[in-house]
Protein backbone atom coordinates (compact mmCIF):
# COMPACT_ATOMS: atom_id res chain seq x y z
CA MET A 1 112.01 61.76 119.53
CA SER A 2 114.35 63.13 116.45
CA GLU A 3 112.47 61.23 113.66
CA ILE A 4 109.23 62.64 114.93
CA HIS A 5 110.80 65.84 115.28
CA SER A 6 111.44 65.57 111.42
CA LYS A 7 108.19 64.72 110.46
CA LEU A 8 106.51 67.24 112.17
CA LYS A 9 109.02 69.98 110.09
CA GLU A 10 108.11 68.43 107.12
CA VAL A 11 104.37 68.65 107.58
CA LEU A 12 104.29 72.23 109.27
CA ALA A 13 106.02 72.82 105.30
CA SER A 14 102.71 71.14 104.43
CA VAL A 15 100.39 72.85 105.88
CA LEU A 16 101.18 76.46 106.87
CA PRO A 17 100.98 77.55 103.27
CA ILE A 18 97.71 76.46 103.06
CA VAL A 19 97.01 78.65 106.59
CA ALA A 20 98.35 81.51 106.15
CA ILE A 21 96.50 81.95 102.42
CA VAL A 22 93.65 81.28 104.27
CA LEU A 23 94.13 84.26 106.83
CA ALA A 24 95.03 86.62 104.37
CA LEU A 25 91.83 85.94 102.96
CA HIS A 26 90.29 86.05 105.87
CA PHE A 27 91.56 89.44 107.08
CA THR A 28 91.30 91.23 103.64
CA VAL A 29 88.81 89.53 100.90
CA THR A 30 86.89 86.37 102.27
CA PRO A 31 86.16 87.10 105.94
CA LEU A 32 84.92 84.12 107.69
CA GLU A 33 82.56 83.78 110.48
CA PRO A 34 84.37 83.06 114.00
CA HIS A 35 83.05 79.37 114.44
CA MET A 36 84.23 78.72 110.49
CA LEU A 37 87.43 80.11 110.63
CA LEU A 38 87.87 78.13 114.59
CA ALA A 39 86.58 74.94 113.00
CA PHE A 40 89.66 75.50 110.28
CA LEU A 41 92.11 76.65 112.34
CA VAL A 42 91.12 73.16 114.84
CA GLY A 43 91.06 71.03 111.78
CA ALA A 44 94.86 72.73 110.29
CA LEU A 45 95.81 71.36 113.74
CA LEU A 46 94.99 67.95 113.50
CA VAL A 47 96.06 68.00 110.33
CA ILE A 48 99.59 68.61 111.24
CA VAL A 49 98.80 66.10 114.14
CA GLY A 50 97.99 63.46 112.31
CA LEU A 51 99.86 63.65 109.10
CA THR A 52 103.16 63.80 111.67
CA LEU A 53 102.47 60.31 113.28
CA PHE A 54 101.10 58.89 110.12
CA LEU A 55 104.31 59.69 108.41
CA PHE A 56 106.24 58.81 111.44
CA GLY A 57 103.75 55.53 111.91
CA ILE A 58 104.70 55.02 108.06
CA ASP A 59 108.46 54.64 108.61
CA GLN A 60 108.47 52.46 111.49
CA GLY A 61 105.87 49.94 109.97
CA LEU A 62 104.44 49.61 106.72
CA SER A 63 107.38 50.60 104.61
CA PRO A 64 109.33 48.00 106.33
CA ILE A 65 106.54 45.53 105.52
CA GLY A 66 107.11 46.67 102.06
CA GLU A 67 110.64 46.46 101.51
CA GLY A 68 110.61 42.71 103.34
CA LEU A 69 107.54 41.41 100.03
CA GLY A 70 109.90 43.21 98.35
CA ASN A 71 113.10 41.74 99.39
CA THR A 72 110.95 38.26 99.19
CA LEU A 73 110.07 38.53 95.46
CA ALA A 74 113.39 39.23 94.75
CA HIS A 75 114.44 36.27 95.96
CA SER A 76 111.80 33.79 94.83
CA ASN A 77 112.51 33.68 91.03
CA SER A 78 108.46 33.02 90.00
CA MET A 79 106.28 35.05 87.85
CA THR A 80 103.69 33.55 89.32
CA MET A 81 104.47 34.48 92.35
CA VAL A 82 105.21 37.94 91.25
CA ILE A 83 102.12 37.88 89.45
CA LEU A 84 99.75 36.80 92.69
CA ILE A 85 101.55 39.32 95.50
CA SER A 86 101.20 42.45 93.11
CA LEU A 87 97.52 42.06 92.27
CA VAL A 88 96.81 40.98 95.82
CA LEU A 89 98.43 44.31 97.48
CA GLY A 90 97.87 46.53 94.60
CA PHE A 91 94.36 46.34 95.57
CA PHE A 92 95.05 46.39 99.06
CA ILE A 93 97.15 49.18 99.49
CA SER A 94 95.10 51.06 97.08
CA TYR A 95 91.76 50.32 99.61
CA ALA A 96 93.76 51.57 102.02
CA GLU A 97 94.95 54.70 100.82
CA PRO A 98 93.44 57.47 102.17
CA ASP A 99 93.95 60.23 99.60
CA LEU A 100 91.68 58.12 97.41
CA ARG A 101 88.75 57.81 100.00
CA ILE A 102 89.12 61.47 100.67
CA LEU A 103 88.25 61.43 97.03
CA ALA A 104 85.65 59.14 97.49
CA HIS A 105 83.75 60.61 99.65
CA GLN A 106 83.75 64.21 97.84
CA VAL A 107 81.99 61.99 94.69
CA ALA A 108 79.32 60.65 96.97
CA LEU A 109 78.87 63.35 98.72
CA VAL A 110 78.55 65.62 95.66
CA THR A 111 76.43 62.92 93.84
CA SER A 112 74.13 62.32 96.86
CA GLY A 113 75.39 58.87 96.45
CA GLN A 114 74.43 57.81 92.73
CA PHE A 115 78.41 56.53 92.64
CA GLY A 116 78.72 56.03 96.19
CA ASP A 117 82.21 55.46 98.02
CA LEU A 118 82.58 51.51 98.46
CA PRO A 119 81.66 51.24 94.59
CA MET A 120 84.24 53.90 93.43
CA VAL A 121 87.44 52.78 96.15
CA VAL A 122 86.96 49.13 94.75
CA VAL A 123 86.99 49.85 90.72
CA ILE A 124 89.84 52.01 90.90
CA SER A 125 91.86 49.25 93.49
CA ILE A 126 91.09 47.38 90.92
CA GLY A 127 92.12 49.18 88.14
CA LEU A 128 95.50 49.59 89.88
CA ALA A 129 96.02 46.69 91.54
CA VAL A 130 95.94 45.41 87.23
CA MET A 131 98.51 47.84 85.86
CA MET A 132 100.92 47.67 88.47
CA THR A 133 101.26 44.23 87.76
CA LEU A 134 102.00 44.90 84.64
CA GLY A 135 104.50 47.33 85.55
CA MET A 136 105.91 45.01 87.81
CA VAL A 137 106.15 41.88 84.59
CA ARG A 138 107.59 45.35 82.65
CA ILE A 139 110.50 45.67 84.75
CA ILE A 140 111.26 41.61 85.05
CA ARG A 141 111.16 41.92 81.45
CA GLY A 142 113.47 44.88 80.76
CA VAL A 143 109.93 46.75 78.62
CA ARG A 144 110.84 50.46 78.58
CA ILE A 145 108.03 51.76 80.11
CA ARG A 146 107.33 54.30 77.25
CA TYR A 147 105.51 51.06 75.42
CA LEU A 148 103.52 50.18 77.69
CA LEU A 149 102.08 53.65 79.26
CA ALA A 150 101.31 54.14 75.21
CA PHE A 151 99.45 51.13 75.63
CA ALA A 152 97.76 51.96 78.93
CA TYR A 153 96.73 55.69 77.69
CA GLY A 154 95.80 53.78 74.02
CA ILE A 155 92.76 52.05 76.37
CA ILE A 156 92.31 55.34 78.55
CA LEU A 157 91.59 57.02 75.33
CA LEU A 158 88.96 54.23 73.55
CA LEU A 159 87.54 54.14 76.86
CA SER A 160 87.00 58.33 77.23
CA LEU A 161 85.43 58.08 73.64
CA PHE A 162 82.43 56.03 74.86
CA SER A 163 82.12 57.72 78.64
CA SER A 164 80.42 60.55 79.84
CA PHE A 165 82.78 64.27 80.45
CA ASP A 166 81.48 63.35 84.18
CA PHE A 167 83.55 60.70 84.52
CA LEU A 168 86.26 61.47 82.47
CA ALA A 169 87.01 63.98 85.01
CA ILE A 170 86.12 61.58 88.34
CA ALA A 171 88.43 59.14 86.85
CA PHE A 172 91.70 61.10 85.72
CA ASP A 173 91.44 63.21 89.70
CA ALA A 174 91.46 58.96 90.78
CA SER A 175 94.52 58.67 88.81
CA GLY A 176 95.95 61.40 91.44
CA ALA A 177 94.20 60.66 94.14
CA THR A 178 96.09 56.79 94.74
CA THR A 179 99.07 57.29 94.81
CA GLY A 180 99.24 58.81 98.25
CA ALA A 181 101.11 58.06 101.56
CA ILE A 182 100.56 54.48 102.03
CA THR A 183 100.69 53.70 98.43
CA VAL A 184 103.94 54.84 97.00
CA PRO A 185 105.62 54.28 100.01
CA PHE A 186 104.86 50.14 98.86
CA MET A 187 105.66 50.94 95.49
CA LEU A 188 108.97 52.29 95.35
CA ALA A 189 109.68 48.97 97.62
CA LEU A 190 108.02 46.03 95.07
CA ALA A 191 109.98 48.14 92.64
CA SER A 192 113.29 48.32 94.48
CA GLY A 193 113.03 44.23 95.07
CA ILE A 194 111.66 43.54 92.04
CA SER A 195 114.77 45.14 89.91
CA VAL A 196 117.12 42.77 91.57
CA PHE A 197 115.78 40.25 88.99
CA ARG A 198 117.14 41.86 86.08
CA ARG A 199 120.76 42.92 88.13
CA LYS A 200 122.47 41.07 85.65
CA LYS A 201 121.31 41.88 82.38
CA ASN A 202 122.47 45.83 83.67
CA THR A 203 119.09 47.20 85.09
CA THR A 204 119.51 50.80 84.71
CA GLU A 205 117.53 53.40 87.52
CA ALA A 206 115.08 53.70 84.84
CA ASP A 207 113.21 50.78 86.38
CA ASN A 208 113.36 52.35 89.84
CA PHE A 209 110.57 54.94 88.53
CA GLY A 210 107.44 54.50 87.06
CA LEU A 211 105.49 52.33 89.12
CA VAL A 212 103.21 54.86 90.18
CA GLY A 213 102.85 56.36 87.26
CA ILE A 214 101.51 53.28 85.26
CA ALA A 215 99.82 52.09 87.96
CA SER A 216 97.79 54.76 88.53
CA SER A 217 96.45 54.73 85.17
CA GLY A 218 94.62 51.51 86.34
CA ALA A 219 92.34 54.15 88.12
CA ILE A 220 91.92 55.78 85.16
CA ILE A 221 90.69 52.50 83.93
CA GLY A 222 88.93 51.15 86.28
CA VAL A 223 86.36 54.34 86.64
CA LEU A 224 85.63 55.10 83.10
CA ALA A 225 85.11 50.85 82.29
CA ALA A 226 82.75 50.58 85.27
CA ALA A 227 81.27 53.78 84.27
CA LEU A 228 80.44 51.32 81.40
CA VAL A 229 79.32 48.17 82.46
CA LEU A 230 76.92 50.01 85.30
CA ASN A 231 75.46 52.35 82.59
CA LEU A 232 76.06 55.18 84.29
CA THR A 233 75.80 58.07 82.38
CA LYS A 234 75.00 61.72 83.67
CA LEU A 235 75.05 62.35 87.32
CA ASN A 236 73.32 65.33 89.10
CA GLY A 237 75.09 66.64 92.06
CA HIS A 238 75.02 69.58 94.21
CA LEU A 239 77.81 70.79 96.89
CA PRO A 240 76.19 70.88 100.43
CA GLU A 241 75.36 73.76 102.42
CA THR A 242 78.15 73.31 105.39
CA ALA A 243 76.45 73.99 108.83
CA ILE A 244 79.95 74.69 110.58
CA ALA A 245 78.98 78.06 111.47
CA GLN A 246 76.09 76.96 112.73
CA SER A 247 77.14 74.06 114.93
CA ASN A 248 79.08 73.50 117.58
CA VAL A 249 83.10 72.71 116.50
CA PHE A 250 84.20 70.66 118.91
CA GLY A 251 80.22 68.37 118.95
CA MET A 252 81.47 67.69 114.83
CA TYR A 253 84.66 66.33 115.43
CA LYS A 254 83.05 64.39 118.09
CA GLU A 255 80.50 63.05 115.54
CA ALA A 256 83.34 62.79 112.98
CA ILE A 257 85.46 60.52 114.88
CA SER A 258 83.10 58.08 115.15
CA SER A 259 82.82 57.40 111.59
CA VAL A 260 86.45 57.88 110.56
CA ALA A 261 87.77 55.70 113.24
CA GLY A 262 86.07 52.51 111.90
CA SER A 263 87.01 53.53 108.14
CA SER A 264 90.49 54.08 109.28
CA ALA A 265 90.97 50.45 110.77
CA LEU A 266 88.90 48.91 107.77
CA SER A 267 91.94 50.57 105.77
CA LEU A 268 94.79 48.89 107.15
CA LEU A 269 93.48 45.83 108.29
CA PRO A 270 94.36 44.10 104.88
CA ILE A 271 97.57 45.27 104.76
CA VAL A 272 98.25 43.61 108.48
CA ALA A 273 96.67 40.46 107.46
CA VAL A 274 99.80 40.55 104.80
CA PHE A 275 101.85 41.22 107.36
CA ILE A 276 100.88 38.12 109.55
CA ILE A 277 100.67 35.63 106.82
CA PHE A 278 104.02 36.54 105.34
CA GLN A 279 105.28 36.56 108.96
CA ALA A 280 104.00 33.29 109.39
CA PHE A 281 105.67 31.77 106.44
CA TYR A 282 108.11 33.96 104.32
CA PHE A 283 109.45 36.54 107.02
CA LYS A 284 110.31 34.94 109.95
CA TYR A 285 111.18 38.32 111.76
CA SER A 286 112.25 38.22 115.68
CA THR A 287 109.62 39.16 118.71
CA ARG A 288 111.63 42.40 118.97
CA ARG A 289 110.71 43.36 115.21
CA VAL A 290 107.43 42.26 115.09
CA ILE A 291 106.90 44.52 117.84
CA GLY A 292 108.26 47.43 116.47
CA ILE A 293 106.66 46.50 112.71
CA SER A 294 103.28 46.99 114.64
CA ARG A 295 103.95 49.67 117.44
CA GLY A 296 104.79 51.32 113.47
CA VAL A 297 101.12 50.14 112.80
CA VAL A 298 99.13 51.53 116.00
CA TRP A 299 101.04 55.21 114.78
CA THR A 300 99.76 54.79 111.11
CA TYR A 301 96.67 53.80 112.55
CA VAL A 302 96.19 57.31 115.38
CA GLY A 303 97.98 59.59 112.56
CA LEU A 304 95.23 58.55 110.18
CA VAL A 305 92.26 58.79 111.90
CA ILE A 306 93.47 61.87 113.14
CA PHE A 307 94.47 63.50 110.16
CA MET A 308 91.19 62.54 108.73
CA VAL A 309 89.06 64.12 111.30
CA GLY A 310 90.56 67.23 110.98
CA VAL A 311 90.04 67.11 106.88
CA THR A 312 86.58 65.61 107.46
CA GLY A 313 85.58 67.89 110.37
CA GLY A 314 86.13 71.25 108.65
CA PHE A 315 89.08 71.38 106.61
CA MET A 316 87.16 70.74 103.23
CA ALA A 317 84.35 72.87 104.79
CA VAL A 318 86.16 75.69 105.07
CA GLY A 319 88.39 75.31 101.04
CA SER A 320 85.22 74.79 99.70
CA GLU A 321 83.37 78.42 102.05
CA LEU A 322 86.86 80.17 100.68
CA GLY A 323 86.31 79.01 96.69
CA ILE A 324 82.04 80.21 97.01
CA ARG A 325 82.82 83.64 98.97
CA LEU A 326 85.32 84.38 96.41
CA ALA A 327 83.27 83.51 93.50
CA GLN A 328 80.20 85.71 94.85
CA SER A 329 83.06 88.34 94.84
CA GLY A 330 82.76 88.43 90.69
CA SER A 331 86.26 89.33 90.86
CA SER A 332 87.64 86.74 87.70
CA ALA A 333 91.33 88.09 88.14
CA LEU A 334 90.88 87.53 91.77
CA ILE A 335 89.76 84.10 91.36
CA LEU A 336 92.74 83.11 88.93
CA GLY A 337 94.99 85.00 90.84
CA VAL A 338 94.10 83.03 94.32
CA SER A 339 93.82 80.11 92.47
CA ALA A 340 97.27 80.41 91.37
CA ALA A 341 98.59 81.02 94.79
CA LEU A 342 96.96 78.42 96.28
CA GLY A 343 98.54 76.05 93.81
CA LEU A 344 102.27 77.63 94.27
CA ALA A 345 101.62 76.34 97.78
CA THR A 346 100.50 73.23 97.35
CA VAL A 347 102.97 71.92 95.40
CA LEU A 348 105.65 73.66 98.27
CA ALA A 349 103.39 71.98 101.02
CA GLU A 350 103.89 68.45 99.54
CA PRO A 351 106.91 66.26 101.57
CA ALA A 352 107.15 63.81 98.65
CA VAL A 353 107.88 66.42 96.79
CA HIS A 354 110.39 67.27 98.46
CA VAL A 355 111.68 63.75 98.21
CA LEU A 356 111.43 63.39 94.52
CA THR A 357 113.84 66.51 94.07
CA ASP A 358 116.38 65.17 96.20
CA GLN A 359 116.14 62.29 93.84
CA VAL A 360 116.42 63.77 90.82
CA ALA A 361 119.67 65.52 92.11
CA ILE A 362 121.09 62.84 93.39
CA ILE A 363 120.68 60.08 90.42
CA THR A 364 121.39 62.70 88.29
CA GLY A 365 125.11 63.92 89.58
CA GLY A 366 123.54 66.99 90.58
CA SER A 367 123.61 68.31 87.00
CA VAL A 368 120.01 68.65 87.23
CA LYS A 369 119.71 71.45 89.60
CA ARG A 370 116.85 70.40 92.70
CA SER A 371 116.32 74.06 92.77
CA LEU A 372 115.36 74.64 89.15
CA VAL A 373 113.32 70.96 89.42
CA PHE A 374 111.03 73.03 92.06
CA LEU A 375 110.36 75.80 89.70
CA PHE A 376 109.41 73.31 87.12
CA LEU A 377 106.76 71.71 89.33
CA SER A 378 105.97 75.17 91.46
CA ILE A 379 105.00 76.73 87.69
CA ALA A 380 103.56 73.58 85.99
CA VAL A 381 100.86 73.16 89.80
CA GLY A 382 100.63 76.41 89.96
CA LEU A 383 99.33 76.71 86.02
CA ALA A 384 96.62 73.66 87.15
CA ILE A 385 94.81 75.42 89.66
CA PHE A 386 94.40 78.66 87.45
CA LEU A 387 93.58 76.22 84.07
CA SER A 388 90.51 74.89 86.79
CA ALA A 389 89.75 77.27 88.01
CA LEU A 390 89.68 79.34 84.45
CA ARG A 391 87.57 76.47 82.99
CA ILE A 392 84.78 77.24 85.73
CA LEU A 393 84.65 80.52 84.31
CA VAL A 394 84.91 80.13 80.83
CA PRO A 395 81.93 77.31 80.05
CA GLN A 396 83.47 76.80 76.42
CA ILE A 397 86.64 75.15 77.86
CA GLU A 398 85.46 71.61 78.41
CA LEU A 399 88.06 69.43 81.02
CA TRP A 400 88.81 67.17 77.85
CA MET A 401 90.56 70.16 75.70
CA TYR A 402 93.07 70.00 78.88
CA LEU A 403 93.37 65.65 79.50
CA LEU A 404 93.45 64.02 76.54
CA PRO A 405 95.71 66.44 74.15
CA GLY A 406 97.70 66.88 77.45
CA PHE A 407 98.75 62.99 78.32
CA GLY A 408 98.96 62.21 74.18
CA LEU A 409 101.38 64.66 74.49
CA ALA A 410 102.71 63.62 77.72
CA VAL A 411 103.30 59.70 76.07
CA LEU A 412 104.31 61.07 72.49
CA LEU A 413 107.38 63.44 74.82
CA ALA A 414 107.94 59.97 75.91
CA PHE A 415 109.78 58.56 73.00
CA PHE A 416 111.86 61.30 73.14
CA VAL A 417 112.71 61.74 76.47
CA PRO A 418 115.13 59.85 78.32
CA ASP A 419 113.53 57.08 80.33
CA LEU A 420 114.62 58.15 84.14
CA PHE A 421 112.95 61.71 83.01
CA VAL A 422 109.76 59.66 81.66
CA GLY A 423 109.38 57.54 85.36
CA MET A 424 110.10 60.36 87.16
CA ALA A 425 107.85 62.67 85.30
CA PHE A 426 104.88 60.12 85.37
CA ASP A 427 105.68 59.54 88.97
CA ALA A 428 105.53 63.25 89.70
CA GLY A 429 101.60 63.35 88.43
CA GLY A 430 100.80 61.23 91.66
CA VAL A 431 103.49 62.77 94.27
CA ALA A 432 102.07 66.15 93.11
CA SER A 433 98.45 65.77 94.14
CA GLY A 434 99.05 64.33 97.54
CA PRO A 435 96.57 64.87 100.94
CA MET A 436 96.04 69.04 100.27
CA THR A 437 95.24 68.80 96.61
CA ALA A 438 92.87 66.10 97.52
CA SER A 439 91.15 67.65 100.17
CA PHE A 440 91.38 71.44 100.65
CA SER A 441 92.59 71.85 96.76
CA LEU A 442 89.89 70.49 96.09
CA ALA A 443 87.32 71.54 97.75
CA PHE A 444 88.04 75.37 96.99
CA VAL A 445 87.67 74.14 93.29
CA GLN A 446 84.50 72.52 94.28
CA GLY A 447 83.11 75.81 95.88
CA ILE A 448 83.57 78.02 93.03
CA ALA A 449 81.54 75.47 90.96
CA ALA A 450 78.80 75.54 92.94
CA GLN A 451 78.32 79.99 92.74
CA VAL A 452 79.24 80.50 88.89
CA PRO A 453 76.15 80.88 86.75
CA GLY A 454 75.47 78.78 84.09
CA SER A 455 78.52 75.48 85.86
CA ASP A 456 78.04 72.47 87.22
CA VAL A 457 79.13 71.31 90.41
CA VAL A 458 79.98 67.63 89.43
CA THR A 459 81.82 67.80 85.68
CA GLU A 460 83.24 71.45 86.70
CA GLY A 461 83.71 70.84 90.42
CA PHE A 462 85.45 67.53 89.92
CA GLY A 463 88.71 67.05 86.96
CA MET A 464 90.94 69.97 89.18
CA ILE A 465 93.23 67.07 90.09
CA ALA A 466 93.67 65.77 87.39
CA ILE A 467 94.69 68.74 85.93
CA VAL A 468 97.03 68.47 88.60
CA ALA A 469 98.27 65.30 87.99
CA LEU A 470 98.55 65.89 84.34
CA THR A 471 101.06 69.37 84.38
CA PRO A 472 104.04 67.82 86.26
CA ILE A 473 104.35 65.32 83.93
CA LEU A 474 104.71 67.63 81.05
CA ALA A 475 107.21 70.08 83.46
CA LEU A 476 109.44 67.17 84.25
CA GLU A 477 109.08 65.85 80.54
CA ILE A 478 110.31 69.08 79.03
CA LEU A 479 113.09 69.42 81.68
CA GLY A 480 114.00 66.16 80.93
CA ALA A 481 114.04 66.81 77.08
CA LEU A 482 116.70 69.98 78.17
CA TYR A 483 118.86 68.03 80.40
CA GLN A 484 119.36 65.53 77.93
CA PHE A 485 120.08 68.38 74.65
CA LYS A 486 122.58 70.09 77.59
CA THR A 487 124.26 66.53 77.74
CA GLN A 488 124.50 65.92 73.91
CA LYS A 489 125.74 70.00 73.47
CA GLN A 490 128.36 68.52 76.61
CA ARG A 491 129.71 65.47 74.83
CA LYS A 492 130.00 67.33 70.92
CA LYS A 493 131.73 69.93 73.07
CA ASP A 494 133.95 67.65 74.53
CA ALA A 495 134.61 65.51 71.60
CA GLY A 496 135.14 68.79 69.45
CA HIS A 497 138.17 70.06 71.98
CA GLY A 498 139.52 65.80 71.93
């Protein structure tokens, strides 16, 4: 019970800031209809309960499976096995990622099925699997992370030159959405296990970071490559009107359960199958431990269903409605101010951000303060949502003006910043764009795009997660540069005294 209580505290910190902003807007500038407010509050409650059970289940079930796979790889001493397992698991854990399914659902909904849920999830999962495998091989071969990142983003730049802006937005959004609650624990466990291969070759702490960032670049490559192969160019779309205010709230949630239960089971099925296979041939866990892991998988499933019902039933719809009503107010200052506040709340809300800041403080021996990392990330994500809204309000600003120079600068900085911070920075891009960003914030930005004259809900509505994934990378690289400067200055000072 103490573990569930701990998870509940994390999730309350995750969701309550968003609830506070919505309620503040409801009682001031954008009052919602009673049915819509009720739908949001019910959705928020379901999200809180669902995420709590989901994260508890991850710790009890999915994380032990990932750790077991990492240990198996560590003791196999077989590159062929590492590549094969990385490809298979990379695909499956991306396929099972709820954040990605939320984004794929939004894309299919807004584009009226032109880019469907399943094709998008599949191409992203293939891209992630390939890049995750290269990331694993990088650790084994001792290749510095900056070179693989330069290779990956060089391919992305090349594909971007032949892709439409619509797919550029969706592709970069996918890079943030695909690294979430299921993907990240598996990747961290696998990276930790794989690093054992190089233990005799002085593996550094930097090898424990960066796999998430490298893998997420595969999502971008997957979408852009699919668009070129399928000859998809312009996506035409609109934001469907919500019927929350006119419908029975509980009937709507009941309907959502029937569609979510099956898709959630499908998401977890591949991981369960992998566990069964490895238990039969490699793990040989005791019956008691298998029962414990199985119980954790069940909790994960129950939590995932409740969470997804809360998000699809009313959470995203209210986010969209708030964006619409703020845009209808005609006040650019209000839109930009609320967007920045929402970004600040979002980053403070993501539980994985707390984990990352703890890691930074521990590995740097406390020389980089946890509060300082929070400050950099908060400013970065607040700026990201602000820039997303600004792009919609100012038609001359296009997404590529943020992403191509931004990621180009991020790769360039990787050659001047310590490897430890490079890995952390690119991992932070995926960590910051978690469930709240993939659901509420994305719908909010799309709502603004749906109402601003001359904007396109596809071109301007997507791209927000991409910007959220970019700004933390730059923020932590800048922090790394400052840390390096401070360290070098201290060494010179100590040498002078010597």
